[in-house]
Amino acid sequence: MRLTKLLDVLGARASWYRRAAPSEAASGSSAAAAVGDAKPARRGPSPRDITMHERHVIQTVAQAFPWYGYKKIALICRRLDEPIALRKVYRVMKECGLLHRLRKRIDERARLEVQRLSELLPRRPNELWQTDVTYIPIAGYGWWYAITVIDYYSRYLLALKLTHSYAAVQAVEALRAAVAEATRRHGPLTRPVFLVTDNGTSFIARRFRAALDDVRIAGTGISVFSQVRIGYRMPTQLGLLERFHETLKREEVYWNLYADPRDARQKLEIFHERYNQARPHWALVAAEPQAAPARILTPHEVYVRGLKVNPPSWSRWVGWLEKDQALEALPSHKNAERISA
């Protein structure tokens, strides 16, 4: 028989602890009350006081080498036959405001990328569009392709074109369908539109770029579209459409077995209308809930009805950039007048 079963039969516990006697418990509580909330004593020898001579040496060396941190200042003091402990150097430099500020290092490439993204930040519909291609299987017909164009601010799906190829010709047709939908809802485009694409063959082709130049602002010779291509092997920069394609697969493609491309187009058109008009989007949080039918809006309510939403989540990149620029403008050490005071 196992020991635990034997103890259960005997009514004994497998583990036990000694209960303090009443006299011991009373003496322990009185001792704790006498001590109060005092912190436990620090182990080791008590820190030595910093002499005036040491303080003067540290301040002098730190002022002579303002671009060095406290560790290197302590090393220089030792080389000057002034062996001062590292913790003393840190304490004095902290009290005098001579410690360096911790700066977040951002390389120039990342800085330029953030600046470019801050310029792209949309504040209304038809300021930033994204286009991409995804694969759709059709039994008996192999892989077909859905070319999509979406408005970033409202998440409104402007075009969803199913085609057997994703060559530049089909990409141009999808773009023209998006322009036609935007014109139907808001009239001719009167402001420049940033069009974000990846580096696929259809989007870097001359025919596609020529089609972008052909779309002009009414009454001017200015091209509507300004193409912005993401970095190579960086699909997260096109994350909005990547996430939409996942929604397309989960809510439509994986639920149906298309009989043929015609059947697929009909069902995709039903999904297109449902996505824009009936599906609330978590990113579309109403900026004025009192004037909105709900807190979470649909793309149709934002793009067509003109309801305002809170800024996109990537706006914090702009704050990151501004904070870093402000930090770069600060001096690396405090003014010497404060030290002398």
C-alpha atoms as a PDB file:
ATOM      1  CA  MET A   1       0.000   0.000   0.000  1.00  0.00           C
ATOM      2  CA  ARG A   2       1.263   3.467  -0.860  1.00  0.00           C
ATOM      3  CA  LEU A   3       2.138   5.800   2.004  1.00  0.00           C
ATOM      4  CA  THR A   4      -0.453   8.410   0.989  1.00  0.00           C
ATOM      5  CA  LYS A   5      -3.263   5.827   1.014  1.00  0.00           C
ATOM      6  CA  LEU A   6      -2.109   4.556   4.417  1.00  0.00           C
ATOM      7  CA  LEU A   7      -2.162   8.100   5.799  1.00  0.00           C
ATOM      8  CA  ASP A   8      -5.677   8.594   4.416  1.00  0.00           C
ATOM      9  CA  VAL A   9      -6.843   5.460   6.214  1.00  0.00           C
ATOM     10  CA  LEU A  10      -5.260   6.639   9.471  1.00  0.00           C
ATOM     11  CA  GLY A  11      -6.697  10.126   9.024  1.00  0.00           C
ATOM     12  CA  ALA A  12      -3.252  11.733   9.053  1.00  0.00           C
ATOM     13  CA  ARG A  13      -1.917  14.386   6.714  1.00  0.00           C
ATOM     14  CA  ALA A  14       0.929  13.792   4.317  1.00  0.00           C
ATOM     15  CA  SER A  15       2.478  17.137   5.286  1.00  0.00           C
ATOM     16  CA  TRP A  16       2.191  19.266   8.384  1.00  0.00           C
ATOM     17  CA  TYR A  17       3.550  22.404   9.942  1.00  0.00           C
ATOM     18  CA  ARG A  18       4.004  23.446  13.549  1.00  0.00           C
ATOM     19  CA  ARG A  19       1.454  25.899  14.853  1.00  0.00           C
ATOM     20  CA  ALA A  20       2.860  28.676  17.025  1.00  0.00           C
ATOM     21  CA  ALA A  21       1.893  28.606  20.671  1.00  0.00           C
ATOM     22  CA  PRO A  22      -0.389  31.447  21.882  1.00  0.00           C
ATOM     23  CA  SER A  23       2.444  33.036  23.857  1.00  0.00           C
ATOM     24  CA  GLU A  24       4.762  32.912  20.844  1.00  0.00           C
ATOM     25  CA  ALA A  25       2.100  34.358  18.533  1.00  0.00           C
ATOM     26  CA  ALA A  26       1.459  37.259  20.938  1.00  0.00           C
ATOM     27  CA  SER A  27       5.150  38.056  21.292  1.00  0.00           C
ATOM     28  CA  GLY A  28       5.587  37.892  17.521  1.00  0.00           C
ATOM     29  CA  SER A  29       2.700  40.295  16.845  1.00  0.00           C
ATOM     30  CA  SER A  30       4.003  42.809  19.421  1.00  0.00           C
ATOM     31  CA  ALA A  31       7.462  42.670  17.878  1.00  0.00           C
ATOM     32  CA  ALA A  32       6.007  43.283  14.428  1.00  0.00           C
ATOM     33  CA  ALA A  33       4.012  46.237  15.753  1.00  0.00           C
ATOM     34  CA  ALA A  34       7.146  47.675  17.354  1.00  0.00           C
ATOM     35  CA  VAL A  35       9.069  47.413  14.137  1.00  0.00           C
ATOM     36  CA  GLY A  36       6.176  48.844  12.081  1.00  0.00           C
ATOM     37  CA  ASP A  37       6.775  49.269   8.379  1.00  0.00           C
ATOM     38  CA  ALA A  38      10.536  49.587   8.701  1.00  0.00           C
ATOM     39  CA  LYS A  39      12.464  48.242   5.714  1.00  0.00           C
ATOM     40  CA  PRO A  40      14.866  45.346   6.274  1.00  0.00           C
ATOM     41  CA  ALA A  41      18.440  46.317   6.915  1.00  0.00           C
ATOM     42  CA  ARG A  42      20.668  46.578   3.850  1.00  0.00           C
ATOM     43  CA  ARG A  43      23.187  43.794   3.588  1.00  0.00           C
ATOM     44  CA  GLY A  44      26.867  44.575   3.454  1.00  0.00           C
ATOM     45  CA  PRO A  45      28.759  47.648   4.596  1.00  0.00           C
ATOM     46  CA  SER A  46      26.980  50.975   4.581  1.00  0.00           C
ATOM     47  CA  PRO A  47      27.853  53.238   1.625  1.00  0.00           C
ATOM     48  CA  ARG A  48      30.656  55.669   2.302  1.00  0.00           C
ATOM     49  CA  ASP A  49      30.065  59.373   2.099  1.00  0.00           C
ATOM     50  CA  ILE A  50      31.324  61.230  -0.942  1.00  0.00           C
ATOM     51  CA  THR A  51      33.996  63.702   0.054  1.00  0.00           C
ATOM     52  CA  MET A  52      34.122  67.236  -1.308  1.00  0.00           C
ATOM     53  CA  HIS A  53      37.354  66.389  -3.114  1.00  0.00           C
ATOM     54  CA  GLU A  54      35.771  63.419  -4.897  1.00  0.00           C
ATOM     55  CA  ARG A  55      32.727  65.476  -5.826  1.00  0.00           C
ATOM     56  CA  HIS A  56      34.947  68.215  -7.249  1.00  0.00           C
ATOM     57  CA  VAL A  57      36.992  65.729  -9.296  1.00  0.00           C
ATOM     58  CA  ILE A  58      33.899  64.066 -10.729  1.00  0.00           C
ATOM     59  CA  GLN A  59      32.295  67.390 -11.698  1.00  0.00           C
ATOM     60  CA  THR A  60      35.504  68.671 -13.268  1.00  0.00           C
ATOM     61  CA  VAL A  61      36.068  65.549 -15.362  1.00  0.00           C
ATOM     62  CA  ALA A  62      32.400  65.322 -16.375  1.00  0.00           C
ATOM     63  CA  GLN A  63      32.412  68.957 -17.535  1.00  0.00           C
ATOM     64  CA  ALA A  64      35.630  68.409 -19.463  1.00  0.00           C
ATOM     65  CA  PHE A  65      34.187  65.329 -21.214  1.00  0.00           C
ATOM     66  CA  PRO A  66      30.429  66.022 -21.506  1.00  0.00           C
ATOM     67  CA  TRP A  67      29.957  63.392 -24.229  1.00  0.00           C
ATOM     68  CA  TYR A  68      30.993  60.493 -21.970  1.00  0.00           C
ATOM     69  CA  GLY A  69      28.821  58.427 -19.665  1.00  0.00           C
ATOM     70  CA  TYR A  70      29.435  57.792 -15.995  1.00  0.00           C
ATOM     71  CA  LYS A  71      31.362  54.569 -16.592  1.00  0.00           C
ATOM     72  CA  LYS A  72      33.923  56.236 -18.810  1.00  0.00           C
ATOM     73  CA  ILE A  73      34.133  59.227 -16.460  1.00  0.00           C
ATOM     74  CA  ALA A  74      35.007  56.833 -13.626  1.00  0.00           C
ATOM     75  CA  LEU A  75      37.663  55.239 -15.827  1.00  0.00           C
ATOM     76  CA  ILE A  76      39.199  58.635 -16.608  1.00  0.00           C
ATOM     77  CA  CYS A  77      39.261  59.475 -12.899  1.00  0.00           C
ATOM     78  CA  ARG A  78      41.247  56.304 -12.230  1.00  0.00           C
ATOM     79  CA  ARG A  79      43.705  57.225 -14.965  1.00  0.00           C
ATOM     80  CA  LEU A  80      44.171  60.561 -13.153  1.00  0.00           C
ATOM     81  CA  ASP A  81      45.125  58.682  -9.959  1.00  0.00           C
ATOM     82  CA  GLU A  82      41.718  59.358  -8.449  1.00  0.00           C
ATOM     83  CA  PRO A  83      40.259  55.884  -7.830  1.00  0.00           C
ATOM     84  CA  ILE A  84      36.596  56.743  -7.271  1.00  0.00           C
ATOM     85  CA  ALA A  85      33.977  54.008  -7.086  1.00  0.00           C
ATOM     86  CA  LEU A  86      31.584  53.684  -9.992  1.00  0.00           C
ATOM     87  CA  ARG A  87      28.499  54.166  -7.830  1.00  0.00           C
ATOM     88  CA  LYS A  88      29.882  57.441  -6.479  1.00  0.00           C
ATOM     89  CA  VAL A  89      30.444  58.764  -9.984  1.00  0.00           C
ATOM     90  CA  TYR A  90      26.896  57.803 -10.902  1.00  0.00           C
ATOM     91  CA  ARG A  91      25.422  59.492  -7.818  1.00  0.00           C
ATOM     92  CA  VAL A  92      27.289  62.758  -8.341  1.00  0.00           C
ATOM     93  CA  MET A  93      26.523  62.937 -12.055  1.00  0.00           C
ATOM     94  CA  LYS A  94      22.868  62.191 -11.385  1.00  0.00           C
ATOM     95  CA  GLU A  95      22.616  64.901  -8.731  1.00  0.00           C
ATOM     96  CA  CYS A  96      24.275  67.433 -11.053  1.00  0.00           C
ATOM     97  CA  GLY A  97      22.227  66.475 -14.089  1.00  0.00           C
ATOM     98  CA  LEU A  98      25.222  65.235 -16.040  1.00  0.00           C
ATOM     99  CA  LEU A  99      23.888  61.807 -16.943  1.00  0.00           C
ATOM    100  CA  HIS A 100      23.172  61.258 -20.620  1.00  0.00           C
ATOM    101  CA  ARG A 101      19.601  60.878 -21.767  1.00  0.00           C
ATOM    102  CA  LEU A 102      18.710  57.499 -23.195  1.00  0.00           C
ATOM    103  CA  ARG A 103      17.992  58.113 -26.872  1.00  0.00           C
ATOM    104  CA  LYS A 104      16.117  55.704 -29.049  1.00  0.00           C
ATOM    105  CA  ARG A 105      18.314  55.025 -32.022  1.00  0.00           C
ATOM    106  CA  ILE A 106      16.526  55.196 -35.350  1.00  0.00           C
ATOM    107  CA  ASP A 107      18.491  54.682 -38.517  1.00  0.00           C
ATOM    108  CA  GLU A 108      18.014  57.082 -41.385  1.00  0.00           C
ATOM    109  CA  ARG A 109      16.114  54.585 -43.502  1.00  0.00           C
ATOM    110  CA  ALA A 110      13.526  53.989 -40.782  1.00  0.00           C
ATOM    111  CA  ARG A 111      13.220  57.729 -40.183  1.00  0.00           C
ATOM    112  CA  LEU A 112      12.499  58.408 -43.866  1.00  0.00           C
ATOM    113  CA  GLU A 113       9.974  55.578 -43.916  1.00  0.00           C
ATOM    114  CA  VAL A 114       8.108  57.017 -40.933  1.00  0.00           C
ATOM    115  CA  GLN A 115       8.115  60.470 -42.509  1.00  0.00           C
ATOM    116  CA  ARG A 116       6.683  59.044 -45.705  1.00  0.00           C
ATOM    117  CA  LEU A 117       3.990  57.169 -43.817  1.00  0.00           C
ATOM    118  CA  SER A 118       3.059  60.303 -41.862  1.00  0.00           C
ATOM    119  CA  GLU A 119       2.527  62.095 -45.172  1.00  0.00           C
ATOM    120  CA  LEU A 120       0.280  59.257 -46.328  1.00  0.00           C
ATOM    121  CA  LEU A 121      -1.887  59.308 -43.220  1.00  0.00           C
ATOM    122  CA  PRO A 122      -5.448  59.761 -44.569  1.00  0.00           C
ATOM    123  CA  ARG A 123      -7.885  62.124 -42.894  1.00  0.00           C
ATOM    124  CA  ARG A 124     -10.802  61.612 -45.269  1.00  0.00           C
ATOM    125  CA  PRO A 125     -11.877  59.161 -48.013  1.00  0.00           C
ATOM    126  CA  ASN A 126     -10.079  59.061 -51.360  1.00  0.00           C
ATOM    127  CA  GLU A 127      -6.707  60.106 -49.981  1.00  0.00           C
ATOM    128  CA  LEU A 128      -5.054  56.681 -49.729  1.00  0.00           C
ATOM    129  CA  TRP A 129      -5.929  53.565 -51.697  1.00  0.00           C
ATOM    130  CA  GLN A 130      -4.334  50.137 -51.663  1.00  0.00           C
ATOM    131  CA  THR A 131      -4.443  47.460 -54.351  1.00  0.00           C
ATOM    132  CA  ASP A 132      -3.238  43.874 -54.382  1.00  0.00           C
ATOM    133  CA  VAL A 133      -3.917  40.402 -55.795  1.00  0.00           C
ATOM    134  CA  THR A 134      -4.985  37.189 -54.068  1.00  0.00           C
ATOM    135  CA  TYR A 135      -5.507  33.623 -55.281  1.00  0.00           C
ATOM    136  CA  ILE A 136      -8.923  31.933 -55.459  1.00  0.00           C
ATOM    137  CA  PRO A 137      -9.255  28.229 -56.392  1.00  0.00           C
ATOM    138  CA  ILE A 138     -12.104  27.149 -58.686  1.00  0.00           C
ATOM    139  CA  ALA A 139     -12.578  23.400 -59.070  1.00  0.00           C
ATOM    140  CA  GLY A 140     -11.909  22.320 -62.629  1.00  0.00           C
ATOM    141  CA  TYR A 141     -10.530  25.735 -63.609  1.00  0.00           C
ATOM    142  CA  GLY A 142      -7.409  25.955 -61.476  1.00  0.00           C
ATOM    143  CA  TRP A 143      -6.266  29.127 -59.752  1.00  0.00           C
ATOM    144  CA  TRP A 144      -7.993  32.404 -60.516  1.00  0.00           C
ATOM    145  CA  TYR A 145      -7.085  35.808 -59.167  1.00  0.00           C
ATOM    146  CA  ALA A 146      -9.012  38.536 -57.369  1.00  0.00           C
ATOM    147  CA  ILE A 147      -7.611  42.040 -57.859  1.00  0.00           C
ATOM    148  CA  THR A 148      -8.876  44.318 -55.104  1.00  0.00           C
ATOM    149  CA  VAL A 149      -8.764  48.068 -54.518  1.00  0.00           C
ATOM    150  CA  ILE A 150      -9.713  49.451 -51.101  1.00  0.00           C
ATOM    151  CA  ASP A 151      -9.930  52.901 -49.526  1.00  0.00           C
ATOM    152  CA  TYR A 152      -7.759  53.002 -46.421  1.00  0.00           C
ATOM    153  CA  TYR A 153      -9.679  55.597 -44.397  1.00  0.00           C
ATOM    154  CA  SER A 154     -13.131  54.035 -44.738  1.00  0.00           C
ATOM    155  CA  ARG A 155     -12.163  50.405 -45.555  1.00  0.00           C
ATOM    156  CA  TYR A 156     -14.596  50.731 -48.459  1.00  0.00           C
ATOM    157  CA  LEU A 157     -13.999  48.064 -51.104  1.00  0.00           C
ATOM    158  CA  LEU A 158     -13.875  50.013 -54.355  1.00  0.00           C
ATOM    159  CA  ALA A 159     -13.211  47.121 -56.725  1.00  0.00           C
ATOM    160  CA  LEU A 160     -13.155  43.323 -56.620  1.00  0.00           C
ATOM    161  CA  LYS A 161     -12.302  41.882 -60.025  1.00  0.00           C
ATOM    162  CA  LEU A 162     -12.033  38.134 -60.605  1.00  0.00           C
ATOM    163  CA  THR A 163      -9.781  37.283 -63.539  1.00  0.00           C
ATOM    164  CA  HIS A 164      -7.787  34.395 -64.954  1.00  0.00           C
ATOM    165  CA  SER A 165      -4.577  36.463 -64.921  1.00  0.00           C
ATOM    166  CA  TYR A 166      -3.060  39.265 -62.900  1.00  0.00           C
ATOM    167  CA  ALA A 167      -1.222  40.931 -65.742  1.00  0.00           C
ATOM    168  CA  ALA A 168      -1.047  44.706 -66.025  1.00  0.00           C
ATOM    169  CA  VAL A 169      -4.136  44.771 -68.270  1.00  0.00           C
ATOM    170  CA  GLN A 170      -6.322  43.234 -65.562  1.00  0.00           C
ATOM    171  CA  ALA A 171      -4.808  45.482 -62.890  1.00  0.00           C
ATOM    172  CA  VAL A 172      -5.659  48.531 -65.007  1.00  0.00           C
ATOM    173  CA  GLU A 173      -9.249  47.311 -65.422  1.00  0.00           C
ATOM    174  CA  ALA A 174      -9.599  46.918 -61.650  1.00  0.00           C
ATOM    175  CA  LEU A 175      -8.201  50.411 -61.120  1.00  0.00           C
ATOM    176  CA  ARG A 176     -10.654  51.872 -63.636  1.00  0.00           C
ATOM    177  CA  ALA A 177     -13.509  50.109 -61.865  1.00  0.00           C
ATOM    178  CA  ALA A 178     -12.359  51.672 -58.582  1.00  0.00           C
ATOM    179  CA  VAL A 179     -12.211  55.136 -60.158  1.00  0.00           C
ATOM    180  CA  ALA A 180     -15.710  54.638 -61.575  1.00  0.00           C
ATOM    181  CA  GLU A 181     -17.054  53.654 -58.146  1.00  0.00           C
ATOM    182  CA  ALA A 182     -15.394  56.636 -56.473  1.00  0.00           C
ATOM    183  CA  THR A 183     -16.791  58.952 -59.150  1.00  0.00           C
ATOM    184  CA  ARG A 184     -20.263  57.478 -58.706  1.00  0.00           C
ATOM    185  CA  ARG A 185     -20.170  58.109 -54.973  1.00  0.00           C
ATOM    186  CA  HIS A 186     -18.279  61.411 -54.747  1.00  0.00           C
ATOM    187  CA  GLY A 187     -18.040  62.805 -58.254  1.00  0.00           C
ATOM    188  CA  PRO A 188     -14.773  63.259 -60.183  1.00  0.00           C
ATOM    189  CA  LEU A 189     -11.621  63.015 -58.099  1.00  0.00           C
ATOM    190  CA  THR A 190     -10.394  66.529 -57.296  1.00  0.00           C
ATOM    191  CA  ARG A 191      -7.503  65.702 -54.960  1.00  0.00           C
ATOM    192  CA  PRO A 192      -4.370  63.580 -55.374  1.00  0.00           C
ATOM    193  CA  VAL A 193      -4.669  59.966 -54.237  1.00  0.00           C
ATOM    194  CA  PHE A 194      -1.777  57.876 -52.934  1.00  0.00           C
ATOM    195  CA  LEU A 195      -1.961  54.367 -54.378  1.00  0.00           C
ATOM    196  CA  VAL A 196       0.016  51.821 -52.347  1.00  0.00           C
ATOM    197  CA  THR A 197       1.045  48.642 -54.172  1.00  0.00           C
ATOM    198  CA  ASP A 198       3.587  45.900 -53.801  1.00  0.00           C
ATOM    199  CA  ASN A 199       6.338  45.152 -56.299  1.00  0.00           C
ATOM    200  CA  GLY A 200       4.401  42.586 -58.319  1.00  0.00           C
ATOM    201  CA  THR A 201       4.960  42.409 -62.050  1.00  0.00           C
ATOM    202  CA  SER A 202       1.522  43.848 -62.798  1.00  0.00           C
ATOM    203  CA  PHE A 203       2.116  46.955 -60.666  1.00  0.00           C
ATOM    204  CA  ILE A 204       5.608  47.798 -61.902  1.00  0.00           C
ATOM    205  CA  ALA A 205       4.733  47.313 -65.573  1.00  0.00           C
ATOM    206  CA  ARG A 206       4.874  50.302 -67.900  1.00  0.00           C
ATOM    207  CA  ARG A 207       1.250  49.817 -68.933  1.00  0.00           C
ATOM    208  CA  PHE A 208       0.056  50.117 -65.350  1.00  0.00           C
ATOM    209  CA  ARG A 209       2.150  53.214 -64.669  1.00  0.00           C
ATOM    210  CA  ALA A 210       0.930  54.768 -67.919  1.00  0.00           C
ATOM    211  CA  ALA A 211      -2.659  54.117 -66.847  1.00  0.00           C
ATOM    212  CA  LEU A 212      -1.973  55.962 -63.589  1.00  0.00           C
ATOM    213  CA  ASP A 213      -0.722  58.980 -65.512  1.00  0.00           C
ATOM    214  CA  ASP A 214      -3.821  58.993 -67.721  1.00  0.00           C
ATOM    215  CA  VAL A 215      -6.139  59.707 -64.775  1.00  0.00           C
ATOM    216  CA  ARG A 216      -6.054  63.483 -64.356  1.00  0.00           C
ATOM    217  CA  ILE A 217      -7.732  65.908 -61.994  1.00  0.00           C
ATOM    218  CA  ALA A 218     -10.580  67.622 -63.828  1.00  0.00           C
ATOM    219  CA  GLY A 219      -9.569  70.999 -65.243  1.00  0.00           C
ATOM    220  CA  THR A 220      -5.862  70.477 -64.598  1.00  0.00           C
ATOM    221  CA  GLY A 221      -3.040  68.453 -66.040  1.00  0.00           C
ATOM    222  CA  ILE A 222      -2.139  66.993 -62.648  1.00  0.00           C
ATOM    223  CA  SER A 223      -2.213  63.226 -62.323  1.00  0.00           C
ATOM    224  CA  VAL A 224      -4.581  61.918 -59.666  1.00  0.00           C
ATOM    225  CA  PHE A 225      -2.499  58.960 -58.546  1.00  0.00           C
ATOM    226  CA  SER A 226       0.893  58.934 -56.894  1.00  0.00           C
ATOM    227  CA  GLN A 227       2.107  55.346 -56.675  1.00  0.00           C
ATOM    228  CA  VAL A 228       3.882  54.258 -53.503  1.00  0.00           C
ATOM    229  CA  ARG A 229       5.490  50.830 -53.637  1.00  0.00           C
ATOM    230  CA  ILE A 230       6.269  48.979 -50.429  1.00  0.00           C
ATOM    231  CA  GLY A 231       9.717  47.632 -49.613  1.00  0.00           C
ATOM    232  CA  TYR A 232      10.816  44.308 -51.022  1.00  0.00           C
ATOM    233  CA  ARG A 233       9.788  41.330 -48.879  1.00  0.00           C
ATOM    234  CA  MET A 234       7.879  43.582 -46.473  1.00  0.00           C
ATOM    235  CA  PRO A 235       4.219  42.515 -46.882  1.00  0.00           C
ATOM    236  CA  THR A 236       3.257  44.052 -43.532  1.00  0.00           C
ATOM    237  CA  GLN A 237       3.387  47.474 -45.173  1.00  0.00           C
ATOM    238  CA  LEU A 238       0.368  46.337 -47.184  1.00  0.00           C
ATOM    239  CA  GLY A 239      -1.269  44.911 -44.094  1.00  0.00           C
ATOM    240  CA  LEU A 240      -4.738  46.343 -44.678  1.00  0.00           C
ATOM    241  CA  LEU A 241      -5.309  44.383 -47.885  1.00  0.00           C
ATOM    242  CA  GLU A 242      -3.534  41.318 -46.523  1.00  0.00           C
ATOM    243  CA  ARG A 243      -6.021  41.325 -43.664  1.00  0.00           C
ATOM    244  CA  PHE A 244      -8.931  41.948 -46.033  1.00  0.00           C
ATOM    245  CA  HIS A 245      -7.906  38.983 -48.164  1.00  0.00           C
ATOM    246  CA  GLU A 246      -8.020  36.826 -45.052  1.00  0.00           C
ATOM    247  CA  THR A 247     -11.556  38.086 -44.417  1.00  0.00           C
ATOM    248  CA  LEU A 248     -12.460  37.342 -48.043  1.00  0.00           C
ATOM    249  CA  LYS A 249     -11.260  33.765 -47.688  1.00  0.00           C
ATOM    250  CA  ARG A 250     -12.829  33.134 -44.274  1.00  0.00           C
ATOM    251  CA  GLU A 251     -16.220  34.723 -44.938  1.00  0.00           C
ATOM    252  CA  GLU A 252     -16.722  33.837 -48.615  1.00  0.00           C
ATOM    253  CA  VAL A 253     -14.263  31.587 -50.452  1.00  0.00           C
ATOM    254  CA  TYR A 254     -13.989  28.822 -47.848  1.00  0.00           C
ATOM    255  CA  TRP A 255     -17.788  28.703 -47.529  1.00  0.00           C
ATOM    256  CA  ASN A 256     -18.460  27.981 -51.205  1.00  0.00           C
ATOM    257  CA  LEU A 257     -17.515  25.549 -53.940  1.00  0.00           C
ATOM    258  CA  TYR A 258     -17.789  27.601 -57.091  1.00  0.00           C
ATOM    259  CA  ALA A 259     -19.184  25.749 -60.092  1.00  0.00           C
ATOM    260  CA  ASP A 260     -17.370  27.951 -62.579  1.00  0.00           C
ATOM    261  CA  PRO A 261     -15.883  31.464 -62.844  1.00  0.00           C
ATOM    262  CA  ARG A 262     -19.300  32.953 -63.594  1.00  0.00           C
ATOM    263  CA  ASP A 263     -20.736  31.495 -60.407  1.00  0.00           C
ATOM    264  CA  ALA A 264     -17.708  32.779 -58.500  1.00  0.00           C
ATOM    265  CA  ARG A 265     -18.196  36.321 -59.848  1.00  0.00           C
ATOM    266  CA  GLN A 266     -21.852  36.354 -58.822  1.00  0.00           C
ATOM    267  CA  LYS A 267     -21.128  35.216 -55.273  1.00  0.00           C
ATOM    268  CA  LEU A 268     -18.146  37.547 -54.931  1.00  0.00           C
ATOM    269  CA  GLU A 269     -20.373  40.441 -55.974  1.00  0.00           C
ATOM    270  CA  ILE A 270     -22.814  39.508 -53.192  1.00  0.00           C
ATOM    271  CA  PHE A 271     -19.917  39.452 -50.728  1.00  0.00           C
ATOM    272  CA  HIS A 272     -18.718  42.801 -52.101  1.00  0.00           C
ATOM    273  CA  GLU A 273     -22.042  44.445 -51.275  1.00  0.00           C
ATOM    274  CA  ARG A 274     -22.311  42.717 -47.890  1.00  0.00           C
ATOM    275  CA  TYR A 275     -18.807  43.773 -46.878  1.00  0.00           C
ATOM    276  CA  ASN A 276     -19.411  47.438 -47.682  1.00  0.00           C
ATOM    277  CA  GLN A 277     -22.958  47.890 -46.418  1.00  0.00           C
ATOM    278  CA  ALA A 278     -23.701  45.305 -43.728  1.00  0.00           C
ATOM    279  CA  ARG A 279     -20.415  44.311 -42.102  1.00  0.00           C
ATOM    280  CA  PRO A 280     -19.261  46.526 -39.191  1.00  0.00           C
ATOM    281  CA  HIS A 281     -15.513  47.065 -39.183  1.00  0.00           C
ATOM    282  CA  TRP A 282     -13.681  47.177 -35.851  1.00  0.00           C
ATOM    283  CA  ALA A 283     -11.273  49.834 -37.138  1.00  0.00           C
ATOM    284  CA  LEU A 284     -14.157  52.214 -37.919  1.00  0.00           C
ATOM    285  CA  VAL A 285     -14.911  53.653 -34.489  1.00  0.00           C
ATOM    286  CA  ALA A 286     -17.274  56.604 -34.708  1.00  0.00           C
ATOM    287  CA  ALA A 287     -15.653  59.882 -33.702  1.00  0.00           C
ATOM    288  CA  GLU A 288     -19.101  61.317 -32.870  1.00  0.00           C
ATOM    289  CA  PRO A 289     -21.143  58.436 -31.399  1.00  0.00           C
ATOM    290  CA  GLN A 290     -24.162  60.681 -30.803  1.00  0.00           C
ATOM    291  CA  ALA A 291     -24.579  61.325 -34.538  1.00  0.00           C
ATOM    292  CA  ALA A 292     -23.802  57.751 -35.610  1.00  0.00           C
ATOM    293  CA  PRO A 293     -26.193  54.789 -35.717  1.00  0.00           C
ATOM    294  CA  ALA A 294     -23.685  52.684 -33.758  1.00  0.00           C
ATOM    295  CA  ARG A 295     -20.242  52.925 -32.238  1.00  0.00           C
ATOM    296  CA  ILE A 296     -18.724  50.572 -34.830  1.00  0.00           C
ATOM    297  CA  LEU A 297     -19.531  51.675 -38.375  1.00  0.00           C
ATOM    298  CA  THR A 298     -19.660  49.991 -41.761  1.00  0.00           C
ATOM    299  CA  PRO A 299     -17.503  51.114 -44.706  1.00  0.00           C
ATOM    300  CA  HIS A 300     -20.627  52.408 -46.492  1.00  0.00           C
ATOM    301  CA  GLU A 301     -21.505  54.686 -43.569  1.00  0.00           C
ATOM    302  CA  VAL A 302     -18.025  56.210 -43.604  1.00  0.00           C
ATOM    303  CA  TYR A 303     -17.326  56.388 -47.336  1.00  0.00           C
ATOM    304  CA  VAL A 304     -20.796  57.238 -48.670  1.00  0.00           C
ATOM    305  CA  ARG A 305     -22.595  58.899 -45.760  1.00  0.00           C
ATOM    306  CA  GLY A 306     -19.476  60.757 -44.619  1.00  0.00           C
ATOM    307  CA  LEU A 307     -19.489  59.799 -40.932  1.00  0.00           C
ATOM    308  CA  LYS A 308     -16.222  60.624 -39.160  1.00  0.00           C
ATOM    309  CA  VAL A 309     -14.045  57.984 -37.517  1.00  0.00           C
ATOM    310  CA  ASN A 310     -11.108  58.108 -35.144  1.00  0.00           C
ATOM    311  CA  PRO A 311      -7.641  58.304 -36.731  1.00  0.00           C
ATOM    312  CA  PRO A 312      -6.121  55.020 -37.937  1.00  0.00           C
ATOM    313  CA  SER A 313      -4.019  53.106 -35.435  1.00  0.00           C
ATOM    314  CA  TRP A 314      -0.820  53.725 -37.386  1.00  0.00           C
ATOM    315  CA  SER A 315      -1.037  57.446 -36.493  1.00  0.00           C
ATOM    316  CA  ARG A 316       1.080  56.601 -33.449  1.00  0.00           C
ATOM    317  CA  TRP A 317       3.989  56.274 -35.862  1.00  0.00           C
ATOM    318  CA  VAL A 318       3.722  60.023 -36.387  1.00  0.00           C
ATOM    319  CA  GLY A 319       3.910  60.581 -32.631  1.00  0.00           C
ATOM    320  CA  TRP A 320       6.939  58.308 -32.468  1.00  0.00           C
ATOM    321  CA  LEU A 321       8.651  60.428 -35.122  1.00  0.00           C
ATOM    322  CA  GLU A 322       7.789  63.744 -33.468  1.00  0.00           C
ATOM    323  CA  LYS A 323       8.947  62.491 -30.077  1.00  0.00           C
ATOM    324  CA  ASP A 324      12.261  61.320 -31.502  1.00  0.00           C
ATOM    325  CA  GLN A 325      12.850  64.628 -33.291  1.00  0.00           C
ATOM    326  CA  ALA A 326      12.131  66.553 -30.088  1.00  0.00           C
ATOM    327  CA  LEU A 327      14.523  64.293 -28.186  1.00  0.00           C
ATOM    328  CA  GLU A 328      17.267  64.875 -30.735  1.00  0.00           C
ATOM    329  CA  ALA A 329      16.918  68.645 -30.216  1.00  0.00           C
ATOM    330  CA  LEU A 330      17.629  68.377 -26.480  1.00  0.00           C
ATOM    331  CA  PRO A 331      21.225  68.947 -25.242  1.00  0.00           C
ATOM    332  CA  SER A 332      23.178  65.919 -24.175  1.00  0.00           C
ATOM    333  CA  HIS A 333      23.862  67.356 -20.706  1.00  0.00           C
ATOM    334  CA  LYS A 334      22.589  70.059 -18.395  1.00  0.00           C
ATOM    335  CA  ASN A 335      23.891  73.586 -18.423  1.00  0.00           C
ATOM    336  CA  ALA A 336      27.122  74.170 -16.524  1.00  0.00           C
ATOM    337  CA  GLU A 337      25.468  77.027 -14.617  1.00  0.00           C
ATOM    338  CA  ARG A 338      23.297  74.526 -12.793  1.00  0.00           C
ATOM    339  CA  ILE A 339      26.397  72.535 -11.833  1.00  0.00           C
ATOM    340  CA  SER A 340      28.175  75.552 -10.442  1.00  0.00           C
ATOM    341  CA  ALA A 341      25.079  76.546  -8.507  1.00  0.00           C
END
